[in-house]
């Protein structure tokens, strides 16, 4: 199983920062779109729609009020309006230094989205590619993150494998638990029943190999990552870089 390496750490830093600073309003817009497309895909009942259950949990983790969540779900279930227009699109491209990048986008205007994303790539030394240009470098997986301070390694490994996880990777400050996309929610629920303190759980594109970067090259790639992630219609960005932790922290703090 390939490691997520620097990208997992980067994603965690950005999530933590988004919960603390002025980007929280922007995150609410992204969360609203995820709730809406989850309802479109699997219906408004979270008990019968695992994707919606996870979208609700994620929205709550960012402090979105329950009444807001319910209003978005009800509006999406009613059809029409924004819910009818939204579509999910995957874009692929290259960042500086040959880093492969995949974006999950939810938009109500495909032409506007692709034009804006292409411009962000170009402005930051990258290029938007054709469908399939980098997807072969990734594998779709469920990823559950657990802070190392909350549980012993052997205990976590036992719980994860008994819950049906495929593999566990041990990083410096956290564990990465890998599942098939279909089993992500079931494994997460089983771990929670066993008292495992979960930081996040989501479907990710896991790189099969990584591009090691340092210094100015690393900072250049992270500037592109930030620009893509800050575009409202981009729900998630996955990339195959491997960057030292101190640079990830430095750029995110800046």
Protein backbone atom coordinates (compact mmCIF):
# COMPACT_ATOMS: atom_id res chain seq x y z
CA UNK A 1 0.00 0.00 0.00
CA UNK A 2 1.55 3.33 -1.03
CA UNK A 3 1.72 6.06 1.58
CA UNK A 4 -0.13 9.33 1.18
CA UNK A 5 3.02 10.92 2.59
CA UNK A 6 3.17 14.71 2.49
CA UNK A 7 -0.22 15.17 0.91
CA UNK A 8 -2.07 13.64 3.85
CA UNK A 9 -0.24 15.91 6.26
CA UNK A 10 -0.95 18.94 4.06
CA UNK A 11 -4.65 18.10 3.87
CA UNK A 12 -4.87 17.80 7.66
CA UNK A 13 -3.13 21.13 8.20
CA UNK A 14 -5.47 22.87 5.76
CA UNK A 15 -8.55 21.32 7.35
CA UNK A 16 -7.46 22.45 10.81
CA UNK A 17 -6.74 25.95 9.58
CA UNK A 18 -10.06 26.21 7.77
CA UNK A 19 -11.87 25.49 11.02
CA UNK A 20 -10.03 28.35 12.73
CA UNK A 21 -9.86 31.24 10.30
CA UNK A 22 -11.86 33.35 7.90
CA UNK A 23 -12.14 30.54 5.34
CA UNK A 24 -14.87 28.89 7.41
CA UNK A 25 -17.55 30.72 5.42
CA UNK A 26 -16.03 29.40 2.20
CA UNK A 27 -15.99 25.91 3.71
CA UNK A 28 -19.71 26.18 4.47
CA UNK A 29 -20.33 26.74 0.77
CA UNK A 30 -18.28 23.66 -0.11
CA UNK A 31 -20.04 21.61 2.57
CA UNK A 32 -23.44 22.75 1.28
CA UNK A 33 -22.55 21.49 -2.19
CA UNK A 34 -21.40 18.14 -0.82
CA UNK A 35 -24.62 17.72 1.17
CA UNK A 36 -26.64 18.58 -1.93
CA UNK A 37 -24.94 16.14 -4.28
CA UNK A 38 -25.05 13.43 -1.59
CA UNK A 39 -28.83 13.81 -1.44
CA UNK A 40 -29.06 13.80 -5.25
CA UNK A 41 -27.03 10.60 -5.40
CA UNK A 42 -28.58 8.58 -2.58
CA UNK A 43 -31.65 10.32 -1.20
CA UNK A 44 -32.33 12.47 1.88
CA UNK A 45 -32.34 9.71 4.53
CA UNK A 46 -28.87 9.52 6.12
CA UNK A 47 -29.65 6.07 7.52
CA UNK A 48 -29.93 4.76 3.96
CA UNK A 49 -27.30 7.04 2.41
CA UNK A 50 -23.74 6.55 3.76
CA UNK A 51 -22.38 9.42 1.68
CA UNK A 52 -24.93 11.79 3.20
CA UNK A 53 -24.13 10.53 6.72
CA UNK A 54 -20.48 11.36 6.21
CA UNK A 55 -21.29 14.73 4.66
CA UNK A 56 -23.41 15.58 7.71
CA UNK A 57 -20.63 14.54 10.08
CA UNK A 58 -18.12 16.62 8.16
CA UNK A 59 -20.40 19.67 8.18
CA UNK A 60 -20.85 19.33 11.92
CA UNK A 61 -17.10 19.10 12.44
CA UNK A 62 -16.80 22.56 10.88
CA UNK A 63 -19.51 23.94 13.14
CA UNK A 64 -22.31 24.17 10.60
CA UNK A 65 -25.57 24.54 12.58
CA UNK A 66 -27.94 21.57 12.47
CA UNK A 67 -30.80 23.72 11.15
CA UNK A 68 -28.61 24.78 8.21
CA UNK A 69 -27.79 21.15 7.43
CA UNK A 70 -31.44 20.13 7.52
CA UNK A 71 -32.48 23.07 5.35
CA UNK A 72 -29.90 22.14 2.70
CA UNK A 73 -31.03 18.49 2.74
CA UNK A 74 -34.70 19.43 2.43
CA UNK A 75 -33.99 21.84 -0.42
CA UNK A 76 -31.94 19.21 -2.27
CA UNK A 77 -34.62 16.57 -1.75
CA UNK A 78 -37.19 18.90 -3.29
CA UNK A 79 -35.27 18.99 -6.56
CA UNK A 80 -35.06 21.90 -8.95
CA UNK A 81 -33.05 25.07 -8.36
CA UNK A 82 -29.39 24.73 -7.50
CA UNK A 83 -29.67 21.02 -6.68
CA UNK A 84 -30.80 20.26 -10.22
CA UNK A 85 -27.95 22.23 -11.79
CA UNK A 86 -25.07 20.87 -9.74
CA UNK A 87 -22.86 18.21 -11.30
CA UNK A 88 -19.73 16.42 -10.13
CA UNK A 89 -16.67 16.52 -12.37
CA UNK A 90 -13.14 15.18 -12.00
CA UNK A 91 -10.33 17.24 -13.53
CA UNK A 92 -6.74 16.14 -13.97
CA UNK A 93 -3.54 18.04 -14.50
CA UNK A 94 0.10 18.58 -13.73
CA UNK A 95 1.68 20.94 -11.26
CA UNK A 96 5.25 22.23 -11.41
CA UNK A 97 8.01 19.60 -11.37
CA UNK A 98 5.77 16.87 -12.77
CA UNK A 99 3.42 16.57 -9.78
CA UNK A 100 0.18 14.82 -10.76
CA UNK A 101 -3.01 16.48 -9.49
CA UNK A 102 -6.64 15.36 -9.41
CA UNK A 103 -9.55 17.62 -8.50
CA UNK A 104 -13.07 16.74 -7.44
CA UNK A 105 -15.34 19.62 -8.47
CA UNK A 106 -19.02 20.32 -7.89
CA UNK A 107 -20.35 23.09 -10.12
CA UNK A 108 -23.50 24.52 -11.64
CA UNK A 109 -21.56 25.80 -14.66
CA UNK A 110 -19.07 23.43 -16.25
CA UNK A 111 -17.67 26.02 -18.67
CA UNK A 112 -16.98 28.56 -15.92
CA UNK A 113 -15.38 25.93 -13.70
CA UNK A 114 -12.98 24.58 -16.31
CA UNK A 115 -11.96 28.08 -17.41
CA UNK A 116 -11.20 29.13 -13.85
CA UNK A 117 -9.33 25.92 -13.01
CA UNK A 118 -7.26 26.16 -16.20
CA UNK A 119 -6.30 29.72 -15.26
CA UNK A 120 -5.29 28.70 -11.73
CA UNK A 121 -3.02 26.00 -13.15
CA UNK A 122 -1.46 28.38 -15.68
CA UNK A 123 -0.93 31.16 -13.13
CA UNK A 124 0.95 28.77 -10.85
CA UNK A 125 3.23 26.91 -13.24
CA UNK A 126 0.96 23.96 -13.97
CA UNK A 127 -1.34 22.78 -16.74
CA UNK A 128 -4.82 21.32 -16.88
CA UNK A 129 -4.73 18.00 -18.72
CA UNK A 130 -7.07 15.69 -20.57
CA UNK A 131 -9.25 13.11 -18.85
CA UNK A 132 -7.11 10.10 -17.95
CA UNK A 133 -3.76 11.87 -18.11
CA UNK A 134 -2.90 11.23 -14.45
CA UNK A 135 -5.73 9.11 -13.01
CA UNK A 136 -3.72 5.94 -13.67
CA UNK A 137 -1.23 7.20 -11.06
CA UNK A 138 -3.86 7.06 -8.31
CA UNK A 139 -6.06 4.53 -6.57
CA UNK A 140 -9.45 5.39 -5.05
CA UNK A 141 -9.54 4.46 -1.38
CA UNK A 142 -11.31 5.25 1.85
CA UNK A 143 -8.92 6.91 4.29
CA UNK A 144 -9.48 7.25 8.04
CA UNK A 145 -7.05 9.38 10.05
CA UNK A 146 -6.41 8.83 13.76
CA UNK A 147 -4.14 10.98 15.96
CA UNK A 148 -1.33 8.87 17.42
CA UNK A 149 -1.70 10.46 20.83
CA UNK A 150 -5.14 8.98 21.30
CA UNK A 151 -4.40 5.27 21.05
CA UNK A 152 -1.60 2.70 21.25
CA UNK A 153 -0.27 1.49 17.91
CA UNK A 154 -0.83 -2.24 18.49
CA UNK A 155 -4.35 -1.58 19.77
CA UNK A 156 -5.15 0.56 16.74
CA UNK A 157 -3.79 -2.04 14.32
CA UNK A 158 -5.91 -4.77 15.90
CA UNK A 159 -9.06 -2.68 15.89
CA UNK A 160 -8.57 -1.57 12.29
CA UNK A 161 -8.01 -5.02 10.86
CA UNK A 162 -10.86 -6.53 12.88
CA UNK A 163 -13.13 -3.74 11.62
CA UNK A 164 -12.38 -4.72 8.02
CA UNK A 165 -9.69 -2.23 7.01
CA UNK A 166 -7.31 -3.16 4.21
CA UNK A 167 -4.15 -1.68 5.69
CA UNK A 168 -2.74 0.78 8.22
CA UNK A 169 0.12 3.18 7.69
CA UNK A 170 1.96 4.71 10.66
CA UNK A 171 3.11 8.31 10.27
CA UNK A 172 4.91 10.55 12.72
CA UNK A 173 1.85 12.03 14.41
CA UNK A 174 -1.10 10.03 13.03
CA UNK A 175 -2.27 6.71 11.61
CA UNK A 176 -3.77 6.27 8.15
CA UNK A 177 -6.32 3.47 7.88
CA UNK A 178 -7.15 2.36 4.34
CA UNK A 179 -10.42 0.75 3.25
CA UNK A 180 -12.24 0.08 0.02
CA UNK A 181 -14.49 3.06 -0.81
CA UNK A 182 -17.57 0.92 -0.24
CA UNK A 183 -16.51 -0.12 3.26
CA UNK A 184 -15.34 3.27 4.52
CA UNK A 185 -18.41 4.15 6.53
CA UNK A 186 -18.84 0.66 8.02
CA UNK A 187 -15.20 0.54 9.12
CA UNK A 188 -15.45 4.03 10.57
CA UNK A 189 -18.57 3.13 12.56
CA UNK A 190 -16.98 -0.06 13.88
CA UNK A 191 -13.85 1.81 14.98
CA UNK A 192 -15.97 4.42 16.75
CA UNK A 193 -17.80 1.65 18.61
CA UNK A 194 -14.40 0.43 19.80
CA UNK A 195 -13.49 3.87 21.09
CA UNK A 196 -10.97 4.81 18.39
CA UNK A 197 -10.64 8.64 18.23
CA UNK A 198 -11.15 9.41 14.52
CA UNK A 199 -9.93 12.74 13.14
CA UNK A 200 -11.41 12.40 9.65
CA UNK A 201 -12.77 9.86 7.18
CA UNK A 202 -13.23 10.38 3.45
CA UNK A 203 -12.73 8.97 -0.01
CA UNK A 204 -9.35 9.98 -1.45
CA UNK A 205 -7.25 9.33 -4.51
CA UNK A 206 -4.11 7.65 -3.19
CA UNK A 207 -0.95 8.08 -5.27
CA UNK A 208 0.80 4.91 -6.39
CA UNK A 209 4.13 6.74 -6.46
CA UNK A 210 5.33 10.09 -5.17
CA UNK A 211 7.42 13.02 -6.38
CA UNK A 212 9.86 14.10 -3.63
CA UNK A 213 10.22 17.88 -3.42
CA UNK A 214 12.05 20.30 -1.16
CA UNK A 215 12.92 23.99 -0.96
CA UNK A 216 11.50 26.40 -3.53
CA UNK A 217 10.11 23.60 -5.71
CA UNK A 218 8.00 22.36 -2.81
CA UNK A 219 6.73 25.86 -2.03
CA UNK A 220 5.79 26.42 -5.67
CA UNK A 221 3.68 23.26 -5.76
CA UNK A 222 1.98 24.14 -2.48
CA UNK A 223 1.08 27.59 -3.81
CA UNK A 224 -0.77 25.87 -6.65
CA UNK A 225 -2.46 23.52 -4.18
CA UNK A 226 -3.64 26.45 -2.07
CA UNK A 227 -4.99 28.32 -5.11
CA UNK A 228 -6.95 25.27 -6.29
CA UNK A 229 -8.31 24.49 -2.83
CA UNK A 230 -9.47 28.06 -2.33
CA UNK A 231 -11.63 27.99 -5.44
CA UNK A 232 -15.16 27.53 -4.12
CA UNK A 233 -16.23 24.82 -6.55
CA UNK A 234 -13.25 22.56 -5.83
CA UNK A 235 -14.26 20.06 -3.18
CA UNK A 236 -10.95 18.23 -2.90
CA UNK A 237 -7.48 18.20 -4.43
CA UNK A 238 -5.26 15.11 -4.42
CA UNK A 239 -1.63 15.10 -5.53
CA UNK A 240 1.38 12.80 -5.51
CA UNK A 241 3.99 15.05 -3.92
CA UNK A 242 6.15 14.12 -0.94
CA UNK A 243 7.23 17.29 0.90
CA UNK A 244 8.96 17.62 4.29
CA UNK A 245 6.64 18.42 7.18
CA UNK A 246 8.35 21.68 8.09
CA UNK A 247 7.65 23.14 4.66
CA UNK A 248 4.02 22.01 4.77
CA UNK A 249 3.58 23.75 8.13
CA UNK A 250 5.42 26.87 6.99
CA UNK A 251 3.37 27.37 3.81
CA UNK A 252 0.05 26.61 5.51
CA UNK A 253 0.84 29.08 8.29
CA UNK A 254 1.73 31.80 5.82
